[in-house]
Amino acid sequence: RAEHDAMRSERLATFAALLTGAPSAQSSIDEVWRGTLFNQFHDILAGTSIRRAYEDVWATYAQGHQTLTEIASRSLDALSGLLDVEDAPYAFAAWNTLPWTRSEVVRLSLPIGGWRQDRSGLRVPREPSVTDGAGNPLPCQLAHVTFDDNVYMADVDVLVDTPPLGATVVYPTRRTDLVDFGYST
C-alpha cells in the first residue's frame, strides 16, 4: 500500500509541478520511499524483528501515509484548476493516476436537505441522475441516506470512465420528492 501511495502521489505531484508550476514535492516523496524500502529489509519483511522494530515500522508507515496524503491533496487542488467544469450546483472530479483507462464505481455524497426543511420526514431522495461533461447519462444508483450534522446526505454510486493519467468531471442532480404516507402533519 505504501508503494502504491508513493507512486500515486509522485505522479500527481509531477503533473502539478509541470502543468501548474506547483512547488516540487520530490524530496518529501524520496524520504517516504527511503522509509518504505527500509521497512522491506530482510529482518522486518521476514517477521523476525523484535517488537520495538515493528513499532518503528508502523510509525514510519503512518508518517509516510500522512505525508503522501498531504502531497496528493495539494497536487489535486492545483490540478483541479485546469479542469473545465460547468457552472452547476454539484460537480465531482474522478481522478485516474494509472496509465490506462479505468472504469470504476465512485461514491458521491450529496446533501439533500436538513431536518429544518423536513421535520416530518416526508421528503425522500429519488433515484439520482448523473451525467458526464457532454451531458451523457451515467449508470448510477442511490446507495443509502444518512443524517449527518442536521443534514440528510445521499450516497450515490456512479460508474465513471476515466482517461489514463487524467480526470472525468461528473454532474449529479439532487432529486427529492414528497411522499404521502397517509397521515397529516
N, C-alpha and C. Protein backbone atom coordinates (compact mmCIF):
# COMPACT_ATOMS: atom_id res chain seq x y z
N ARG A 1 0.84 -1.19 0.00
CA ARG A 1 0.00 0.00 0.00
C ARG A 1 0.88 1.25 0.00
N ALA A 2 1.95 1.21 0.77
CA ALA A 2 2.85 2.36 0.83
C ALA A 2 3.47 2.63 -0.55
N GLU A 3 3.86 1.57 -1.26
CA GLU A 3 4.43 1.74 -2.59
C GLU A 3 3.42 2.38 -3.54
N HIS A 4 2.20 1.89 -3.52
CA HIS A 4 1.17 2.43 -4.42
C HIS A 4 0.84 3.88 -4.07
N ASP A 5 0.75 4.19 -2.76
CA ASP A 5 0.51 5.57 -2.35
C ASP A 5 1.64 6.48 -2.83
N ALA A 6 2.88 5.99 -2.73
CA ALA A 6 4.03 6.80 -3.15
C ALA A 6 4.00 7.04 -4.66
N MET A 7 3.71 5.99 -5.43
CA MET A 7 3.65 6.16 -6.89
C MET A 7 2.53 7.12 -7.28
N ARG A 8 1.38 6.98 -6.63
CA ARG A 8 0.23 7.85 -6.93
C ARG A 8 0.58 9.31 -6.63
N SER A 9 1.12 9.56 -5.44
CA SER A 9 1.46 10.93 -5.05
C SER A 9 2.56 11.49 -5.95
N GLU A 10 3.50 10.65 -6.32
CA GLU A 10 4.59 11.12 -7.19
C GLU A 10 4.07 11.53 -8.57
N ARG A 11 3.17 10.76 -9.11
CA ARG A 11 2.57 11.12 -10.41
C ARG A 11 1.81 12.45 -10.31
N LEU A 12 0.95 12.55 -9.29
CA LEU A 12 0.16 13.77 -9.14
C LEU A 12 1.05 14.99 -8.90
N ALA A 13 2.06 14.85 -8.05
CA ALA A 13 2.95 15.98 -7.76
C ALA A 13 3.75 16.39 -8.99
N THR A 14 4.16 15.42 -9.78
CA THR A 14 4.90 15.73 -11.01
C THR A 14 4.02 16.48 -11.98
N PHE A 15 2.80 16.01 -12.19
CA PHE A 15 1.87 16.72 -13.07
C PHE A 15 1.58 18.12 -12.56
N ALA A 16 1.36 18.25 -11.27
CA ALA A 16 1.07 19.56 -10.70
C ALA A 16 2.25 20.51 -10.90
N ALA A 17 3.47 20.02 -10.71
CA ALA A 17 4.65 20.86 -10.89
C ALA A 17 4.82 21.26 -12.36
N LEU A 18 4.64 20.32 -13.26
CA LEU A 18 4.84 20.60 -14.68
C LEU A 18 3.73 21.46 -15.28
N LEU A 19 2.49 21.18 -14.89
CA LEU A 19 1.35 21.83 -15.54
C LEU A 19 0.89 23.11 -14.86
N THR A 20 1.16 23.23 -13.56
CA THR A 20 0.66 24.41 -12.85
C THR A 20 1.76 25.22 -12.18
N GLY A 21 2.98 24.71 -12.20
CA GLY A 21 4.06 25.42 -11.53
C GLY A 21 4.06 25.23 -10.02
N ALA A 22 3.33 24.24 -9.54
CA ALA A 22 3.31 23.95 -8.10
C ALA A 22 4.73 23.58 -7.65
N PRO A 23 5.07 23.87 -6.41
CA PRO A 23 6.41 23.52 -5.93
C PRO A 23 6.63 22.01 -5.95
N SER A 24 7.86 21.62 -6.18
CA SER A 24 8.20 20.20 -6.23
C SER A 24 8.08 19.58 -4.85
N ALA A 25 7.56 18.37 -4.81
CA ALA A 25 7.45 17.62 -3.56
C ALA A 25 8.38 16.42 -3.58
N GLN A 26 9.31 16.39 -4.53
CA GLN A 26 10.14 15.21 -4.73
C GLN A 26 10.98 14.84 -3.52
N SER A 27 11.53 15.82 -2.81
CA SER A 27 12.37 15.47 -1.65
C SER A 27 11.54 14.79 -0.56
N SER A 28 10.32 15.24 -0.35
CA SER A 28 9.45 14.59 0.64
C SER A 28 9.06 13.19 0.18
N ILE A 29 8.79 13.04 -1.09
CA ILE A 29 8.43 11.72 -1.62
C ILE A 29 9.63 10.78 -1.52
N ASP A 30 10.83 11.28 -1.84
CA ASP A 30 12.04 10.46 -1.71
C ASP A 30 12.23 9.97 -0.28
N GLU A 31 11.94 10.83 0.68
CA GLU A 31 12.08 10.45 2.10
C GLU A 31 11.10 9.33 2.45
N VAL A 32 9.87 9.42 1.94
CA VAL A 32 8.89 8.35 2.18
C VAL A 32 9.35 7.06 1.52
N TRP A 33 9.89 7.16 0.30
CA TRP A 33 10.40 5.97 -0.38
C TRP A 33 11.52 5.32 0.44
N ARG A 34 12.43 6.12 1.00
CA ARG A 34 13.52 5.56 1.81
C ARG A 34 12.96 4.78 3.00
N GLY A 35 11.97 5.35 3.67
CA GLY A 35 11.36 4.65 4.80
C GLY A 35 10.66 3.37 4.37
N THR A 36 9.96 3.44 3.26
CA THR A 36 9.24 2.26 2.76
C THR A 36 10.20 1.15 2.39
N LEU A 37 11.26 1.50 1.68
CA LEU A 37 12.23 0.48 1.26
C LEU A 37 13.01 -0.06 2.45
N PHE A 38 13.31 0.79 3.43
CA PHE A 38 13.98 0.30 4.64
C PHE A 38 13.10 -0.71 5.36
N ASN A 39 11.79 -0.45 5.39
CA ASN A 39 10.86 -1.36 6.05
C ASN A 39 10.74 -2.70 5.33
N GLN A 40 11.28 -2.79 4.13
CA GLN A 40 11.27 -4.05 3.40
C GLN A 40 12.59 -4.80 3.54
N PHE A 41 13.40 -4.37 4.50
CA PHE A 41 14.66 -5.04 4.81
C PHE A 41 14.36 -6.45 5.28
N HIS A 42 15.29 -7.38 5.09
CA HIS A 42 15.01 -8.80 5.28
C HIS A 42 14.51 -9.18 6.67
N ASP A 43 15.02 -8.60 7.76
CA ASP A 43 14.54 -8.97 9.09
C ASP A 43 13.10 -8.50 9.32
N ILE A 44 12.79 -7.30 8.84
CA ILE A 44 11.45 -6.77 9.02
C ILE A 44 10.47 -7.52 8.14
N LEU A 45 10.81 -7.68 6.88
CA LEU A 45 9.92 -8.34 5.93
C LEU A 45 9.66 -9.80 6.31
N ALA A 46 10.68 -10.47 6.85
CA ALA A 46 10.54 -11.88 7.20
C ALA A 46 9.80 -12.09 8.52
N GLY A 47 9.61 -11.00 9.29
CA GLY A 47 8.89 -11.13 10.55
C GLY A 47 9.76 -11.62 11.68
N THR A 48 11.06 -11.40 11.61
CA THR A 48 11.96 -11.89 12.65
C THR A 48 12.52 -10.77 13.52
N SER A 49 11.96 -9.58 13.43
CA SER A 49 12.45 -8.46 14.23
C SER A 49 11.81 -8.46 15.61
N ILE A 50 12.38 -7.66 16.50
CA ILE A 50 11.80 -7.52 17.83
C ILE A 50 10.66 -6.51 17.79
N ARG A 51 9.88 -6.47 18.86
CA ARG A 51 8.69 -5.61 18.92
C ARG A 51 9.03 -4.14 18.65
N ARG A 52 10.11 -3.64 19.21
CA ARG A 52 10.49 -2.23 19.03
C ARG A 52 10.71 -1.91 17.55
N ALA A 53 11.25 -2.83 16.81
CA ALA A 53 11.46 -2.61 15.37
C ALA A 53 10.12 -2.42 14.66
N TYR A 54 9.13 -3.22 15.04
CA TYR A 54 7.82 -3.10 14.40
C TYR A 54 7.10 -1.83 14.80
N GLU A 55 7.33 -1.35 16.01
CA GLU A 55 6.77 -0.06 16.40
C GLU A 55 7.34 1.04 15.52
N ASP A 56 8.63 0.97 15.22
CA ASP A 56 9.24 1.94 14.31
C ASP A 56 8.69 1.80 12.89
N VAL A 57 8.49 0.55 12.46
CA VAL A 57 7.94 0.31 11.12
C VAL A 57 6.58 0.96 10.97
N TRP A 58 5.68 0.73 11.94
CA TRP A 58 4.32 1.27 11.83
C TRP A 58 4.32 2.79 11.93
N ALA A 59 5.22 3.34 12.76
CA ALA A 59 5.33 4.80 12.85
C ALA A 59 5.84 5.38 11.53
N THR A 60 6.80 4.71 10.90
CA THR A 60 7.32 5.17 9.61
C THR A 60 6.23 5.13 8.55
N TYR A 61 5.47 4.04 8.51
CA TYR A 61 4.38 3.93 7.53
C TYR A 61 3.30 4.99 7.78
N ALA A 62 2.97 5.23 9.04
CA ALA A 62 1.93 6.22 9.36
C ALA A 62 2.38 7.62 8.94
N GLN A 63 3.62 7.97 9.24
CA GLN A 63 4.13 9.29 8.84
C GLN A 63 4.19 9.40 7.32
N GLY A 64 4.63 8.35 6.66
CA GLY A 64 4.69 8.35 5.20
C GLY A 64 3.31 8.51 4.58
N HIS A 65 2.34 7.81 5.14
CA HIS A 65 0.96 7.91 4.63
C HIS A 65 0.44 9.34 4.78
N GLN A 66 0.69 9.94 5.92
CA GLN A 66 0.24 11.32 6.14
C GLN A 66 0.92 12.27 5.15
N THR A 67 2.22 12.13 4.98
CA THR A 67 2.96 12.98 4.05
C THR A 67 2.43 12.83 2.62
N LEU A 68 2.23 11.59 2.18
CA LEU A 68 1.76 11.34 0.81
C LEU A 68 0.33 11.83 0.61
N THR A 69 -0.50 11.69 1.63
CA THR A 69 -1.88 12.18 1.54
C THR A 69 -1.89 13.69 1.37
N GLU A 70 -1.05 14.39 2.13
CA GLU A 70 -0.97 15.85 2.01
C GLU A 70 -0.45 16.26 0.64
N ILE A 71 0.55 15.57 0.12
CA ILE A 71 1.11 15.88 -1.21
C ILE A 71 0.05 15.65 -2.28
N ALA A 72 -0.64 14.52 -2.21
CA ALA A 72 -1.67 14.22 -3.21
C ALA A 72 -2.79 15.26 -3.14
N SER A 73 -3.19 15.65 -1.96
CA SER A 73 -4.26 16.63 -1.80
C SER A 73 -3.86 17.98 -2.39
N ARG A 74 -2.67 18.45 -2.07
CA ARG A 74 -2.19 19.72 -2.64
C ARG A 74 -2.08 19.64 -4.16
N SER A 75 -1.61 18.52 -4.65
CA SER A 75 -1.46 18.35 -6.11
C SER A 75 -2.82 18.34 -6.80
N LEU A 76 -3.79 17.64 -6.22
CA LEU A 76 -5.13 17.60 -6.81
C LEU A 76 -5.77 18.98 -6.77
N ASP A 77 -5.55 19.73 -5.70
CA ASP A 77 -6.07 21.10 -5.64
C ASP A 77 -5.50 21.93 -6.78
N ALA A 78 -4.20 21.81 -7.02
CA ALA A 78 -3.57 22.58 -8.10
C ALA A 78 -4.09 22.13 -9.47
N LEU A 79 -4.18 20.82 -9.66
CA LEU A 79 -4.62 20.28 -10.96
C LEU A 79 -6.10 20.54 -11.22
N SER A 80 -6.90 20.62 -10.18
CA SER A 80 -8.33 20.86 -10.35
C SER A 80 -8.61 22.18 -11.05
N GLY A 81 -7.72 23.15 -10.87
CA GLY A 81 -7.89 24.43 -11.54
C GLY A 81 -7.79 24.34 -13.05
N LEU A 82 -7.24 23.25 -13.56
CA LEU A 82 -7.12 23.07 -15.01
C LEU A 82 -8.34 22.41 -15.63
N LEU A 83 -9.24 21.88 -14.80
CA LEU A 83 -10.41 21.17 -15.33
C LEU A 83 -11.45 22.15 -15.86
N ASP A 84 -12.11 21.74 -16.92
CA ASP A 84 -13.22 22.51 -17.47
C ASP A 84 -14.49 22.04 -16.77
N VAL A 85 -14.94 22.84 -15.82
CA VAL A 85 -16.10 22.47 -15.01
C VAL A 85 -17.24 23.43 -15.32
N GLU A 86 -18.40 22.86 -15.64
CA GLU A 86 -19.58 23.67 -15.92
C GLU A 86 -20.07 24.35 -14.64
N ASP A 87 -20.80 25.43 -14.82
CA ASP A 87 -21.44 26.08 -13.69
C ASP A 87 -22.67 25.24 -13.33
N ALA A 88 -22.52 24.42 -12.29
CA ALA A 88 -23.59 23.53 -11.87
C ALA A 88 -23.60 23.47 -10.34
N PRO A 89 -24.75 23.14 -9.75
CA PRO A 89 -24.79 23.08 -8.29
C PRO A 89 -23.79 22.08 -7.70
N TYR A 90 -23.59 20.97 -8.39
CA TYR A 90 -22.68 19.94 -7.91
C TYR A 90 -21.84 19.43 -9.08
N ALA A 91 -20.55 19.31 -8.84
CA ALA A 91 -19.63 18.73 -9.81
C ALA A 91 -18.55 17.98 -9.03
N PHE A 92 -18.21 16.80 -9.50
CA PHE A 92 -17.19 15.98 -8.87
C PHE A 92 -16.19 15.55 -9.93
N ALA A 93 -14.92 15.50 -9.56
CA ALA A 93 -13.88 15.02 -10.46
C ALA A 93 -13.41 13.65 -9.97
N ALA A 94 -13.41 12.68 -10.87
CA ALA A 94 -12.86 11.35 -10.59
C ALA A 94 -11.50 11.29 -11.27
N TRP A 95 -10.45 11.08 -10.49
CA TRP A 95 -9.08 11.10 -11.00
C TRP A 95 -8.56 9.69 -11.21
N ASN A 96 -7.77 9.52 -12.25
CA ASN A 96 -7.12 8.25 -12.56
C ASN A 96 -5.62 8.49 -12.63
N THR A 97 -4.86 7.92 -11.70
CA THR A 97 -3.42 8.10 -11.69
C THR A 97 -2.68 6.96 -12.39
N LEU A 98 -3.43 6.08 -13.03
CA LEU A 98 -2.81 4.96 -13.74
C LEU A 98 -2.69 5.27 -15.23
N PRO A 99 -1.73 4.63 -15.91
CA PRO A 99 -1.51 4.94 -17.33
C PRO A 99 -2.43 4.18 -18.29
N TRP A 100 -3.60 3.79 -17.85
CA TRP A 100 -4.59 3.16 -18.71
C TRP A 100 -5.98 3.63 -18.28
N THR A 101 -6.93 3.52 -19.19
CA THR A 101 -8.31 3.93 -18.91
C THR A 101 -8.88 3.02 -17.83
N ARG A 102 -9.64 3.62 -16.93
CA ARG A 102 -10.28 2.86 -15.87
C ARG A 102 -11.78 3.11 -15.90
N SER A 103 -12.52 2.09 -15.56
CA SER A 103 -13.96 2.19 -15.38
C SER A 103 -14.23 1.68 -13.97
N GLU A 104 -14.61 2.61 -13.08
CA GLU A 104 -14.77 2.28 -11.66
C GLU A 104 -16.06 2.87 -11.12
N VAL A 105 -16.57 2.24 -10.09
CA VAL A 105 -17.71 2.79 -9.36
C VAL A 105 -17.16 3.78 -8.34
N VAL A 106 -17.69 5.00 -8.38
CA VAL A 106 -17.27 6.08 -7.49
C VAL A 106 -18.47 6.46 -6.63
N ARG A 107 -18.23 6.68 -5.34
CA ARG A 107 -19.32 7.08 -4.45
C ARG A 107 -19.28 8.59 -4.26
N LEU A 108 -20.41 9.24 -4.53
CA LEU A 108 -20.58 10.67 -4.34
C LEU A 108 -21.52 10.90 -3.16
N SER A 109 -21.23 11.90 -2.35
CA SER A 109 -22.11 12.24 -1.23
C SER A 109 -22.72 13.61 -1.49
N LEU A 110 -24.05 13.65 -1.51
CA LEU A 110 -24.77 14.89 -1.82
C LEU A 110 -25.69 15.28 -0.67
N PRO A 111 -25.68 16.54 -0.28
CA PRO A 111 -26.66 16.98 0.72
C PRO A 111 -28.04 17.06 0.07
N ILE A 112 -29.06 16.57 0.78
CA ILE A 112 -30.41 16.62 0.20
C ILE A 112 -31.37 17.37 1.10
N GLY A 113 -30.85 18.15 2.03
CA GLY A 113 -31.71 18.95 2.89
C GLY A 113 -31.54 18.55 4.34
N GLY A 114 -32.04 19.38 5.20
CA GLY A 114 -31.89 19.14 6.63
C GLY A 114 -33.22 18.96 7.31
N TRP A 115 -33.16 18.63 8.58
CA TRP A 115 -34.39 18.38 9.33
C TRP A 115 -35.23 19.64 9.45
N ARG A 116 -34.62 20.81 9.34
CA ARG A 116 -35.41 22.04 9.42
C ARG A 116 -36.35 22.18 8.23
N GLN A 117 -35.94 21.64 7.09
CA GLN A 117 -36.80 21.70 5.90
C GLN A 117 -37.81 20.55 5.88
N ASP A 118 -37.56 19.50 6.65
CA ASP A 118 -38.41 18.32 6.57
C ASP A 118 -38.52 17.65 7.94
N ARG A 119 -39.11 18.34 8.89
CA ARG A 119 -39.21 17.80 10.25
C ARG A 119 -40.06 16.55 10.33
N SER A 120 -40.96 16.36 9.39
CA SER A 120 -41.85 15.20 9.42
C SER A 120 -41.27 13.99 8.71
N GLY A 121 -40.13 14.16 8.04
CA GLY A 121 -39.53 13.04 7.33
C GLY A 121 -40.30 12.62 6.10
N LEU A 122 -40.98 13.58 5.46
CA LEU A 122 -41.80 13.25 4.29
C LEU A 122 -41.06 13.44 2.97
N ARG A 123 -39.92 14.09 3.00
CA ARG A 123 -39.18 14.33 1.75
C ARG A 123 -38.08 13.27 1.66
N VAL A 124 -38.13 12.46 0.65
CA VAL A 124 -37.17 11.37 0.49
C VAL A 124 -36.45 11.50 -0.85
N PRO A 125 -35.22 11.01 -0.91
CA PRO A 125 -34.50 11.10 -2.18
C PRO A 125 -35.06 10.11 -3.19
N ARG A 126 -35.05 10.52 -4.42
CA ARG A 126 -35.45 9.65 -5.53
C ARG A 126 -34.20 9.17 -6.24
N GLU A 127 -34.38 8.24 -7.16
CA GLU A 127 -33.23 7.74 -7.91
C GLU A 127 -32.48 8.91 -8.52
N PRO A 128 -31.20 8.97 -8.29
CA PRO A 128 -30.41 10.10 -8.78
C PRO A 128 -30.15 9.99 -10.27
N SER A 129 -29.68 11.08 -10.82
CA SER A 129 -29.17 11.05 -12.19
C SER A 129 -27.82 11.74 -12.18
N VAL A 130 -26.90 11.19 -12.96
CA VAL A 130 -25.55 11.73 -13.06
C VAL A 130 -25.18 11.75 -14.52
N THR A 131 -24.58 12.86 -14.95
CA THR A 131 -24.15 12.98 -16.35
C THR A 131 -22.67 13.31 -16.40
N ASP A 132 -22.07 13.05 -17.56
CA ASP A 132 -20.68 13.46 -17.77
C ASP A 132 -20.67 14.87 -18.36
N GLY A 133 -19.51 15.36 -18.72
CA GLY A 133 -19.37 16.72 -19.23
C GLY A 133 -20.11 16.97 -20.53
N ALA A 134 -20.38 15.91 -21.30
CA ALA A 134 -21.09 16.04 -22.56
C ALA A 134 -22.60 15.89 -22.37
N GLY A 135 -23.05 15.69 -21.13
CA GLY A 135 -24.47 15.52 -20.86
C GLY A 135 -24.97 14.10 -21.00
N ASN A 136 -24.07 13.15 -21.22
CA ASN A 136 -24.46 11.75 -21.34
C ASN A 136 -24.78 11.17 -19.97
N PRO A 137 -25.90 10.45 -19.85
CA PRO A 137 -26.23 9.85 -18.55
C PRO A 137 -25.26 8.73 -18.20
N LEU A 138 -24.91 8.64 -16.93
CA LEU A 138 -24.02 7.58 -16.44
C LEU A 138 -24.81 6.63 -15.55
N PRO A 139 -24.49 5.33 -15.59
CA PRO A 139 -25.17 4.39 -14.70
C PRO A 139 -24.91 4.76 -13.25
N CYS A 140 -25.99 4.84 -12.45
CA CYS A 140 -25.83 5.20 -11.05
C CYS A 140 -27.00 4.66 -10.25
N GLN A 141 -26.81 4.64 -8.93
CA GLN A 141 -27.89 4.23 -8.04
C GLN A 141 -27.68 4.85 -6.67
N LEU A 142 -28.77 5.03 -5.97
CA LEU A 142 -28.74 5.54 -4.61
C LEU A 142 -28.27 4.41 -3.70
N ALA A 143 -27.16 4.61 -3.00
CA ALA A 143 -26.63 3.57 -2.12
C ALA A 143 -27.31 3.62 -0.77
N HIS A 144 -27.32 4.78 -0.12
CA HIS A 144 -28.05 4.94 1.12
C HIS A 144 -28.07 6.41 1.53
N VAL A 145 -28.90 6.68 2.51
CA VAL A 145 -29.06 8.04 3.02
C VAL A 145 -28.68 8.04 4.49
N THR A 146 -27.91 9.03 4.90
CA THR A 146 -27.54 9.18 6.30
C THR A 146 -27.92 10.57 6.77
N PHE A 147 -28.02 10.71 8.08
CA PHE A 147 -28.32 12.00 8.68
C PHE A 147 -27.07 12.45 9.41
N ASP A 148 -26.47 13.55 8.95
CA ASP A 148 -25.20 13.99 9.50
C ASP A 148 -25.23 15.50 9.74
N ASP A 149 -24.99 15.90 10.97
CA ASP A 149 -24.95 17.32 11.31
C ASP A 149 -26.19 18.07 10.82
N ASN A 150 -27.36 17.53 11.10
CA ASN A 150 -28.64 18.13 10.74
C ASN A 150 -28.90 18.22 9.24
N VAL A 151 -28.18 17.43 8.46
CA VAL A 151 -28.38 17.41 7.01
C VAL A 151 -28.47 15.96 6.55
N TYR A 152 -29.46 15.68 5.72
CA TYR A 152 -29.54 14.36 5.10
C TYR A 152 -28.54 14.31 3.96
N MET A 153 -27.73 13.24 3.93
CA MET A 153 -26.73 13.05 2.88
C MET A 153 -27.09 11.80 2.09
N ALA A 154 -27.13 11.94 0.77
CA ALA A 154 -27.39 10.81 -0.12
C ALA A 154 -26.07 10.34 -0.70
N ASP A 155 -25.76 9.06 -0.52
CA ASP A 155 -24.58 8.46 -1.14
C ASP A 155 -25.02 7.81 -2.44
N VAL A 156 -24.40 8.25 -3.53
CA VAL A 156 -24.76 7.78 -4.86
C VAL A 156 -23.56 7.08 -5.46
N ASP A 157 -23.74 5.86 -5.93
CA ASP A 157 -22.69 5.13 -6.63
C ASP A 157 -22.88 5.33 -8.13
N VAL A 158 -21.79 5.74 -8.79
CA VAL A 158 -21.86 6.01 -10.23
C VAL A 158 -20.67 5.36 -10.92
N LEU A 159 -20.93 4.78 -12.09
CA LEU A 159 -19.88 4.16 -12.89
C LEU A 159 -19.24 5.23 -13.76
N VAL A 160 -17.94 5.46 -13.55
CA VAL A 160 -17.23 6.53 -14.24
C VAL A 160 -16.07 5.96 -15.02
N ASP A 161 -15.96 6.36 -16.28
CA ASP A 161 -14.79 6.03 -17.09
C ASP A 161 -13.83 7.21 -17.01
N THR A 162 -12.58 6.93 -16.63
CA THR A 162 -11.59 7.99 -16.53
C THR A 162 -10.45 7.71 -17.48
N PRO A 163 -9.94 8.76 -18.14
CA PRO A 163 -8.84 8.57 -19.09
C PRO A 163 -7.53 8.28 -18.35
N PRO A 164 -6.57 7.73 -19.05
CA PRO A 164 -5.27 7.48 -18.41
C PRO A 164 -4.65 8.78 -17.91
N LEU A 165 -4.16 8.76 -16.67
CA LEU A 165 -3.48 9.91 -16.08
C LEU A 165 -4.30 11.19 -16.24
N GLY A 166 -5.59 11.09 -15.97
CA GLY A 166 -6.46 12.25 -16.14
C GLY A 166 -7.67 12.19 -15.22
N ALA A 167 -8.65 13.00 -15.55
CA ALA A 167 -9.85 13.10 -14.72
C ALA A 167 -11.10 13.19 -15.58
N THR A 168 -12.21 12.79 -15.00
CA THR A 168 -13.53 12.95 -15.60
C THR A 168 -14.39 13.71 -14.60
N VAL A 169 -15.03 14.76 -15.07
CA VAL A 169 -15.93 15.53 -14.21
C VAL A 169 -17.35 15.01 -14.43
N VAL A 170 -18.06 14.76 -13.33
CA VAL A 170 -19.43 14.27 -13.41
C VAL A 170 -20.34 15.23 -12.65
N TYR A 171 -21.60 15.25 -13.08
CA TYR A 171 -22.58 16.20 -12.54
C TYR A 171 -23.82 15.46 -12.05
N PRO A 172 -23.94 15.27 -10.74
CA PRO A 172 -25.15 14.65 -10.21
C PRO A 172 -26.27 15.68 -10.07
N THR A 173 -27.48 15.18 -10.18
CA THR A 173 -28.66 16.01 -9.95
C THR A 173 -29.32 15.51 -8.67
N ARG A 174 -29.53 16.42 -7.75
CA ARG A 174 -30.16 16.08 -6.48
C ARG A 174 -31.67 16.10 -6.68
N ARG A 175 -32.32 14.98 -6.36
CA ARG A 175 -33.77 14.89 -6.54
C ARG A 175 -34.42 14.40 -5.27
N THR A 176 -35.36 15.17 -4.78
CA THR A 176 -36.17 14.73 -3.65
C THR A 176 -37.63 15.02 -3.97
N ASP A 177 -38.47 14.16 -3.50
CA ASP A 177 -39.91 14.32 -3.71
C ASP A 177 -40.63 14.12 -2.39
N LEU A 178 -41.78 14.76 -2.26
CA LEU A 178 -42.61 14.50 -1.09
C LEU A 178 -43.34 13.17 -1.25
N VAL A 179 -43.46 12.46 -0.17
CA VAL A 179 -44.15 11.17 -0.19
C VAL A 179 -45.35 11.27 0.73
N ASP A 180 -46.49 10.77 0.28
CA ASP A 180 -47.69 10.77 1.11
C ASP A 180 -47.75 9.44 1.86
N PHE A 181 -47.50 9.50 3.18
CA PHE A 181 -47.57 8.30 4.00
C PHE A 181 -48.98 8.08 4.56
N GLY A 182 -49.94 8.91 4.16
CA GLY A 182 -51.32 8.71 4.57
C GLY A 182 -51.69 9.39 5.88
N TYR A 183 -50.85 10.25 6.38
CA TYR A 183 -51.20 10.98 7.58
C TYR A 183 -50.79 12.43 7.41
N SER A 184 -51.45 13.29 8.16
CA SER A 184 -51.16 14.72 8.01
C SER A 184 -50.19 15.16 9.10
N THR A 185 -49.51 16.24 8.81
CA THR A 185 -48.53 16.76 9.78
C THR A 185 -49.06 17.93 10.54
